[in-house]
Amino acid sequence: MNDSSWGAPQQTGYWGPPDRRPVQGAAPAGPAYDAPQAQQTRPMPIVPEGPASGGDQDDDRGAARWSGPPFRDDTPHAPPHPAAQQNPEPMPDAPQPAPAPQKKTAGRDLGAAIGVGVGLGVVIVASLFFVKAVFVGVITVAVVVGLWELTSRLQERKGIKAPLVPLAVGGAAMVIAGYARGPEGAWVAMALTALAVLVWRMTEPPEGYLKDVTAGVFAAFYVPFLATFVAMMLTAHDGPWRVLTFLLLTVVSDTGAYAVGWRFGTHKLAPRISPGKTREGLVGAVAFAMVAGALCVQFLIDDGTWWQGLVIGLAVAATATLGDLGESMIKRDLGIKDMGTLLPGHGGIMDRLDSLLPTAPVVWLLLVLFVGSG
């Protein structure tokens, strides 16, 4: 071996290539402790450098990063895969339970409606069969309250000021005149009431005069004049039974329409006016009213026969439905659901008179034609 290629162990004791000779005065490359202590010291593992900062996952701005465990016996925890953090795979949707079928409801407090209806029925029947004059008073009170509800809603929703005072006085006079003088008295009272509305409205500024008096005359005809035919039915010798037949047929018609329409109704009768009414409900109203009419006229009306009851029942079903639709049109125009809140479960008085008012003159006329005025 050539001595020139290997340096002699002068001063440093280094045997090796000359280009690797330690620099004079530099610290030795080996450990700074003695050899006997090396066996008692645990060597540190070599920690490779982590990836350079600045990637999508490094936002710590100078925080220390570890790419491995500090000691060999530590269990390494693998970091989550970047793709798993950025785009987690969606879990399959858990099966949702099928929604429970919704039960049909009447839309009102049925218990309150039944209670109020029974109470009104007791008052009407008691006054009808014991003292006729008391029943005329019941009609008058219903007319005045109905006029108050109608004129109040017109003013609240449309700004129409139909004069209530002449309407209330004239309406009461119409009912009494119809009971005492018949159709002639009812027509005279109606004419005088319309004249009173025209004059009463003259005490206010002329703005809106035409719409106010038009609404007043309409209210006088719609509520008290039509109700007068109930009072005229009462004047016959079997008047209480005629009134009871009229009331029963109207209620039965409404009940049949509701029951059949609620159970079988699928085809709308007049969706733009009353979405709840169906053609099946109309068929139910006709069937129920005709059966009830045949029974009532046969057994309650003097000289009445069952076929006359069928005709009257058919007419009642038609007029009661039209009356209900007519008031629904008024309430839809006013943007309200009920005319009032006086009767829990029913709404207002006008919400109960809607099918009765247009039915009264039809039943009165048919009874007069079939069995006479009594």
Protein backbone atom coordinates (compact mmCIF):
# COMPACT_ATOMS: atom_id res chain seq x y z
CA MET A 1 0.00 0.00 0.00
CA ASN A 2 1.39 3.44 -0.87
CA ASP A 3 2.00 5.61 2.18
CA SER A 4 1.36 8.77 0.16
CA SER A 5 -2.32 7.85 -0.26
CA TRP A 6 -2.98 7.45 3.42
CA GLY A 7 -2.02 10.02 5.99
CA ALA A 8 0.11 9.01 8.95
CA PRO A 9 -1.49 9.19 12.37
CA GLN A 10 0.29 12.37 13.25
CA GLN A 11 -1.17 14.16 16.21
CA THR A 12 -4.79 13.21 15.38
CA GLY A 13 -4.38 9.43 15.18
CA TYR A 14 -6.32 9.41 11.93
CA TRP A 15 -5.75 6.67 9.41
CA GLY A 16 -7.55 7.27 6.19
CA PRO A 17 -7.65 9.19 2.94
CA PRO A 18 -6.10 12.63 3.09
CA ASP A 19 -9.25 14.37 1.73
CA ARG A 20 -11.21 13.21 4.75
CA ARG A 21 -8.75 14.28 7.33
CA PRO A 22 -10.51 16.26 10.06
CA VAL A 23 -9.98 19.97 10.07
CA GLN A 24 -7.56 21.19 12.63
CA GLY A 25 -9.45 22.56 15.64
CA ALA A 26 -12.86 21.21 14.57
CA ALA A 27 -15.02 19.24 16.96
CA PRO A 28 -14.79 15.47 16.62
CA ALA A 29 -17.55 13.83 14.60
CA GLY A 30 -18.20 11.16 17.15
CA PRO A 31 -20.14 11.35 20.43
CA ALA A 32 -18.86 13.61 23.16
CA TYR A 33 -19.13 10.91 25.83
CA ASP A 34 -16.86 8.02 26.66
CA ALA A 35 -17.25 4.63 25.12
CA PRO A 36 -18.36 2.89 28.33
CA GLN A 37 -21.33 5.29 28.58
CA ALA A 38 -22.51 4.59 25.04
CA GLN A 39 -24.17 1.32 26.00
CA GLN A 40 -26.31 3.08 28.61
CA THR A 41 -27.67 5.74 26.27
CA ARG A 42 -30.63 5.22 23.98
CA PRO A 43 -29.91 6.46 20.47
CA MET A 44 -32.35 8.97 18.93
CA PRO A 45 -34.01 7.82 15.72
CA ILE A 46 -33.42 9.64 12.52
CA VAL A 47 -36.51 11.72 11.72
CA PRO A 48 -36.97 12.36 8.02
CA GLU A 49 -38.04 15.80 7.00
CA GLY A 50 -41.73 16.35 6.24
CA PRO A 51 -43.06 17.81 3.05
CA ALA A 52 -42.44 21.43 2.36
CA SER A 53 -44.95 23.87 3.73
CA GLY A 54 -47.42 25.75 1.63
CA GLY A 55 -49.69 22.87 0.51
CA ASP A 56 -53.47 22.52 0.93
CA GLN A 57 -53.04 20.77 4.26
CA ASP A 58 -50.44 23.10 5.81
CA ASP A 59 -51.97 26.22 7.24
CA ASP A 60 -50.13 26.36 10.57
CA ARG A 61 -47.78 29.19 9.54
CA GLY A 62 -44.55 27.96 11.17
CA ALA A 63 -45.98 25.38 13.56
CA ALA A 64 -43.85 22.27 14.11
CA ARG A 65 -44.68 19.22 12.03
CA TRP A 66 -43.98 15.61 12.97
CA SER A 67 -43.77 12.98 10.27
CA GLY A 68 -43.16 10.05 12.59
CA PRO A 69 -43.27 8.95 16.23
CA PRO A 70 -40.69 10.48 18.60
CA PHE A 71 -39.65 7.03 19.84
CA ARG A 72 -39.54 3.61 18.30
CA ASP A 73 -42.01 2.03 20.71
CA ASP A 74 -44.72 4.65 20.04
CA THR A 75 -47.50 3.51 17.80
CA PRO A 76 -47.75 5.80 14.79
CA HIS A 77 -51.13 7.25 13.93
CA ALA A 78 -51.53 7.59 10.21
CA PRO A 79 -52.99 10.97 9.24
CA PRO A 80 -56.20 10.90 7.26
CA HIS A 81 -55.84 10.81 3.55
CA PRO A 82 -56.16 14.29 2.05
CA ALA A 83 -58.83 13.11 -0.39
CA ALA A 84 -60.90 11.78 2.50
CA GLN A 85 -60.84 15.20 4.17
CA GLN A 86 -61.54 17.22 1.07
CA ASN A 87 -64.14 15.00 -0.57
CA PRO A 88 -65.68 12.70 2.01
CA GLU A 89 -67.67 9.92 0.45
CA PRO A 90 -71.35 10.47 1.27
CA MET A 91 -72.99 7.95 3.51
CA PRO A 92 -76.05 6.21 2.10
CA ASP A 93 -79.27 7.77 3.28
CA ALA A 94 -80.99 5.89 6.03
CA PRO A 95 -84.46 4.65 5.09
CA GLN A 96 -87.06 7.15 6.26
CA PRO A 97 -90.31 5.90 7.76
CA ALA A 98 -93.35 6.46 5.61
CA PRO A 99 -95.38 9.51 6.73
CA ALA A 100 -98.54 8.71 8.59
CA PRO A 101 -101.68 9.33 6.53
CA GLN A 102 -103.42 12.56 7.49
CA LYS A 103 -106.89 12.20 8.87
CA LYS A 104 -109.63 14.34 7.42
CA THR A 105 -110.89 16.99 9.77
CA ALA A 106 -113.94 19.20 9.74
CA GLY A 107 -111.85 22.37 10.00
CA ARG A 108 -113.87 23.62 13.00
CA ASP A 109 -114.42 22.81 16.65
CA LEU A 110 -116.94 20.04 16.08
CA GLY A 111 -117.90 19.74 19.76
CA ALA A 112 -118.65 23.45 20.07
CA ALA A 113 -120.54 23.42 16.78
CA ILE A 114 -122.76 20.55 17.93
CA GLY A 115 -123.38 22.17 21.32
CA VAL A 116 -124.34 25.53 19.81
CA GLY A 117 -126.54 23.85 17.21
CA VAL A 118 -128.42 21.88 19.84
CA GLY A 119 -128.88 24.99 21.97
CA LEU A 120 -130.26 26.98 19.04
CA GLY A 121 -132.56 24.10 18.14
CA VAL A 122 -134.02 23.99 21.64
CA VAL A 123 -134.68 27.74 21.64
CA ILE A 124 -136.28 27.64 18.19
CA VAL A 125 -138.50 24.64 18.86
CA ALA A 126 -139.59 25.93 22.28
CA SER A 127 -140.56 29.34 20.90
CA LEU A 128 -142.09 27.84 17.77
CA PHE A 129 -144.60 25.54 19.42
CA PHE A 130 -145.49 27.44 22.57
CA VAL A 131 -145.87 31.10 21.59
CA LYS A 132 -145.70 32.13 17.95
CA ALA A 133 -144.97 35.76 18.81
CA VAL A 134 -141.82 34.68 20.64
CA PHE A 135 -140.58 32.91 17.54
CA VAL A 136 -141.24 36.08 15.51
CA GLY A 137 -139.05 37.86 18.06
CA VAL A 138 -136.31 35.23 17.52
CA ILE A 139 -136.46 35.90 13.77
CA THR A 140 -136.23 39.64 14.37
CA VAL A 141 -133.19 39.34 16.63
CA ALA A 142 -131.44 37.09 14.11
CA VAL A 143 -132.16 39.60 11.34
CA VAL A 144 -130.79 42.58 13.29
CA VAL A 145 -127.63 40.72 14.31
CA GLY A 146 -127.14 39.48 10.75
CA LEU A 147 -127.45 43.03 9.41
CA TRP A 148 -124.89 44.24 11.94
CA GLU A 149 -122.42 41.53 10.92
CA LEU A 150 -122.88 42.19 7.20
CA THR A 151 -122.58 45.98 7.39
CA SER A 152 -119.59 45.75 9.74
CA ARG A 153 -117.68 43.46 7.38
CA LEU A 154 -118.54 45.68 4.40
CA GLN A 155 -117.12 48.73 6.16
CA GLU A 156 -114.03 46.93 7.49
CA ARG A 157 -113.02 45.23 4.26
CA LYS A 158 -114.37 47.50 1.50
CA GLY A 159 -114.96 50.86 3.17
CA ILE A 160 -118.69 50.67 2.29
CA LYS A 161 -120.85 52.43 4.88
CA ALA A 162 -124.31 50.93 4.56
CA PRO A 163 -126.46 52.76 7.18
CA LEU A 164 -127.25 50.28 9.95
CA VAL A 165 -129.95 52.23 11.81
CA PRO A 166 -132.57 52.39 9.01
CA LEU A 167 -131.68 48.82 8.03
CA ALA A 168 -132.22 47.46 11.55
CA VAL A 169 -135.49 49.35 12.07
CA GLY A 170 -136.78 48.53 8.59
CA GLY A 171 -135.71 44.89 8.90
CA ALA A 172 -137.62 44.41 12.14
CA ALA A 173 -140.63 46.14 10.59
CA MET A 174 -140.46 43.82 7.57
CA VAL A 175 -140.61 40.65 9.69
CA ILE A 176 -143.51 41.94 11.78
CA ALA A 177 -145.39 43.26 8.73
CA GLY A 178 -144.99 39.95 6.91
CA TYR A 179 -146.34 38.04 9.90
CA ALA A 180 -149.24 40.44 10.41
CA ARG A 181 -150.14 41.44 6.82
CA GLY A 182 -148.64 38.78 4.61
CA PRO A 183 -146.73 39.43 1.39
CA GLU A 184 -148.27 42.88 0.88
CA GLY A 185 -147.03 44.08 4.24
CA ALA A 186 -143.56 42.68 3.58
CA TRP A 187 -143.28 44.46 0.22
CA VAL A 188 -144.43 47.80 1.64
CA ALA A 189 -141.94 47.53 4.51
CA MET A 190 -139.19 46.69 2.04
CA ALA A 191 -139.92 49.75 -0.09
CA LEU A 192 -140.00 52.04 2.94
CA THR A 193 -136.72 50.60 4.22
CA ALA A 194 -134.99 51.26 0.89
CA LEU A 195 -136.29 54.85 0.93
CA ALA A 196 -135.05 55.33 4.50
CA VAL A 197 -131.57 54.12 3.47
CA LEU A 198 -131.44 56.67 0.65
CA VAL A 199 -132.48 59.55 2.92
CA TRP A 200 -130.29 58.56 5.87
CA ARG A 201 -127.17 58.48 3.73
CA MET A 202 -127.83 62.05 2.55
CA THR A 203 -126.69 63.39 5.93
CA GLU A 204 -123.08 62.53 5.02
CA PRO A 205 -120.78 63.79 2.23
CA PRO A 206 -121.66 62.65 -1.29
CA GLU A 207 -118.42 60.70 -1.82
CA GLY A 208 -119.31 57.02 -2.02
CA TYR A 209 -123.06 57.69 -1.84
CA LEU A 210 -123.97 55.33 -4.68
CA LYS A 211 -122.03 52.33 -3.37
CA ASP A 212 -123.27 52.90 0.19
CA VAL A 213 -126.98 53.04 -0.70
CA THR A 214 -126.62 50.15 -3.16
CA ALA A 215 -125.09 48.02 -0.42
CA GLY A 216 -127.86 49.15 1.97
CA VAL A 217 -130.67 48.13 -0.39
CA PHE A 218 -128.94 44.82 -1.07
CA ALA A 219 -128.63 44.15 2.67
CA ALA A 220 -132.31 44.98 3.22
CA PHE A 221 -133.38 42.48 0.57
CA TYR A 222 -130.84 39.78 1.40
CA VAL A 223 -131.41 39.50 5.15
CA PRO A 224 -134.77 40.78 6.47
CA PHE A 225 -136.90 40.48 3.34
CA LEU A 226 -136.00 36.82 2.71
CA ALA A 227 -136.37 36.05 6.42
CA THR A 228 -139.92 37.46 6.31
CA PHE A 229 -141.08 34.34 4.42
CA VAL A 230 -140.35 32.27 7.53
CA ALA A 231 -142.72 34.51 9.49
CA MET A 232 -145.32 34.17 6.75
CA MET A 233 -145.10 30.35 6.92
CA LEU A 234 -145.94 30.63 10.60
CA THR A 235 -149.33 32.25 9.91
CA ALA A 236 -150.91 29.03 8.59
CA HIS A 237 -152.93 26.81 10.97
CA ASP A 238 -150.14 24.24 10.74
CA GLY A 239 -147.53 27.01 10.62
CA PRO A 240 -145.17 25.58 13.27
CA TRP A 241 -144.95 22.29 11.37
CA ARG A 242 -144.29 24.10 8.11
CA VAL A 243 -141.46 26.07 9.72
CA LEU A 244 -140.09 22.91 11.32
CA THR A 245 -140.20 21.13 7.95
CA PHE A 246 -138.35 24.03 6.34
CA LEU A 247 -135.67 23.99 9.06
CA LEU A 248 -135.29 20.21 9.07
CA LEU A 249 -134.94 19.93 5.29
CA THR A 250 -132.29 22.67 5.18
CA VAL A 251 -130.28 21.13 8.02
CA VAL A 252 -130.58 17.63 6.54
CA SER A 253 -129.46 18.92 3.14
CA ASP A 254 -126.37 20.56 4.66
CA THR A 255 -125.65 17.44 6.70
CA GLY A 256 -125.96 15.14 3.70
CA ALA A 257 -123.67 17.35 1.63
CA TYR A 258 -121.06 17.39 4.38
CA ALA A 259 -121.21 13.67 5.18
CA VAL A 260 -121.13 12.38 1.62
CA GLY A 261 -118.65 14.99 0.43
CA TRP A 262 -116.30 14.33 3.36
CA ARG A 263 -116.34 10.57 2.77
CA PHE A 264 -116.56 10.27 -1.01
CA GLY A 265 -115.96 13.75 -2.44
CA THR A 266 -113.31 13.90 -5.16
CA HIS A 267 -114.78 16.17 -7.86
CA LYS A 268 -114.96 19.88 -7.01
CA LEU A 269 -118.31 21.57 -7.46
CA ALA A 270 -117.19 25.20 -7.61
CA PRO A 271 -113.46 25.38 -6.81
CA ARG A 272 -113.16 29.12 -7.47
CA ILE A 273 -115.97 29.92 -5.03
CA SER A 274 -115.90 27.19 -2.38
CA PRO A 275 -113.07 24.64 -2.78
CA GLY A 276 -114.52 22.36 -0.10
CA LYS A 277 -117.75 21.60 -1.92
CA THR A 278 -117.91 18.57 -4.20
CA ARG A 279 -120.32 17.11 -6.71
CA GLU A 280 -120.62 14.01 -4.59
CA GLY A 281 -121.65 16.23 -1.69
CA LEU A 282 -124.36 17.81 -3.84
CA VAL A 283 -125.69 14.35 -4.67
CA GLY A 284 -125.74 13.56 -0.95
CA ALA A 285 -127.61 16.79 -0.23
CA VAL A 286 -130.25 15.99 -2.83
CA ALA A 287 -130.72 12.39 -1.65
CA PHE A 288 -130.93 13.28 2.05
CA ALA A 289 -133.25 16.23 1.47
CA MET A 290 -135.64 14.31 -0.78
CA VAL A 291 -135.98 11.45 1.68
CA ALA A 292 -136.50 13.85 4.57
CA GLY A 293 -138.94 15.91 2.48
CA ALA A 294 -141.07 12.89 1.64
CA LEU A 295 -141.27 11.92 5.32
CA CYS A 296 -141.91 15.42 6.66
CA VAL A 297 -144.57 16.43 4.15
CA GLN A 298 -146.32 13.07 4.46
CA PHE A 299 -146.49 13.05 8.27
CA LEU A 300 -146.18 16.70 9.40
CA ILE A 301 -148.04 18.81 6.83
CA ASP A 302 -151.83 18.70 6.61
CA ASP A 303 -153.03 17.29 3.29
CA GLY A 304 -149.42 16.78 2.15
CA THR A 305 -148.23 13.71 0.21
CA TRP A 306 -144.85 12.06 -0.11
CA TRP A 307 -144.26 13.01 -3.74
CA GLN A 308 -144.75 16.68 -2.86
CA GLY A 309 -142.08 16.18 -0.24
CA LEU A 310 -139.72 14.80 -2.89
CA VAL A 311 -140.19 17.95 -4.97
CA ILE A 312 -139.74 20.23 -1.96
CA GLY A 313 -136.63 18.30 -0.85
CA LEU A 314 -135.07 18.63 -4.31
CA ALA A 315 -135.78 22.36 -4.33
CA VAL A 316 -134.35 22.78 -0.83
CA ALA A 317 -131.12 21.00 -1.78
CA ALA A 318 -130.71 23.30 -4.80
CA THR A 319 -131.51 26.58 -3.04
CA ALA A 320 -129.51 25.73 0.09
CA THR A 321 -126.45 24.94 -2.02
CA LEU A 322 -126.87 28.12 -4.07
CA GLY A 323 -127.31 30.17 -0.92
CA ASP A 324 -124.17 28.70 0.59
CA LEU A 325 -122.23 29.40 -2.58
CA GLY A 326 -123.61 32.93 -2.73
CA GLU A 327 -122.40 33.80 0.74
CA SER A 328 -119.09 32.09 0.01
CA MET A 329 -118.74 34.44 -2.94
CA ILE A 330 -119.42 37.44 -0.69
CA LYS A 331 -116.89 36.29 1.90
CA ARG A 332 -114.28 35.55 -0.75
CA ASP A 333 -114.77 39.03 -2.18
CA LEU A 334 -114.35 40.48 1.31
CA GLY A 335 -111.34 38.25 2.04
CA ILE A 336 -112.77 36.68 5.21
CA LYS A 337 -113.56 33.17 6.39
CA ASP A 338 -116.55 33.91 8.64
CA MET A 339 -118.97 36.80 8.95
CA GLY A 340 -118.58 36.86 12.74
CA THR A 341 -117.55 35.00 15.86
CA LEU A 342 -120.78 35.06 17.85
CA LEU A 343 -121.45 31.31 17.56
CA PRO A 344 -118.45 29.11 18.53
CA GLY A 345 -117.83 26.42 15.96
CA HIS A 346 -120.13 28.13 13.44
CA GLY A 347 -118.85 31.67 12.99
CA GLY A 348 -121.51 34.35 12.98
CA ILE A 349 -125.28 34.47 12.60
CA MET A 350 -124.92 35.09 8.87
CA ASP A 351 -122.83 31.94 8.55
CA ARG A 352 -125.91 29.98 9.72
CA LEU A 353 -128.44 31.96 7.70
CA ASP A 354 -126.63 31.57 4.37
CA SER A 355 -128.59 28.48 3.28
CA LEU A 356 -131.79 29.30 5.19
CA LEU A 357 -132.47 32.72 3.68
CA PRO A 358 -132.79 31.76 -0.02
CA THR A 359 -134.60 28.53 0.88
CA ALA A 360 -137.41 30.24 2.84
CA PRO A 361 -139.31 31.83 -0.08
CA VAL A 362 -139.05 28.62 -2.17
CA VAL A 363 -140.49 26.41 0.58
CA TRP A 364 -143.21 28.96 1.36
CA LEU A 365 -144.23 29.13 -2.30
CA LEU A 366 -144.26 25.35 -2.84
CA LEU A 367 -146.28 24.73 0.29
CA VAL A 368 -148.80 27.36 -0.77
CA LEU A 369 -149.07 25.74 -4.21
CA PHE A 370 -149.36 22.18 -2.88
CA VAL A 371 -151.52 22.54 0.23
CA GLY A 372 -152.65 26.18 0.26
CA SER A 373 -151.80 29.12 2.49
CA GLY A 374 -153.69 27.59 5.43
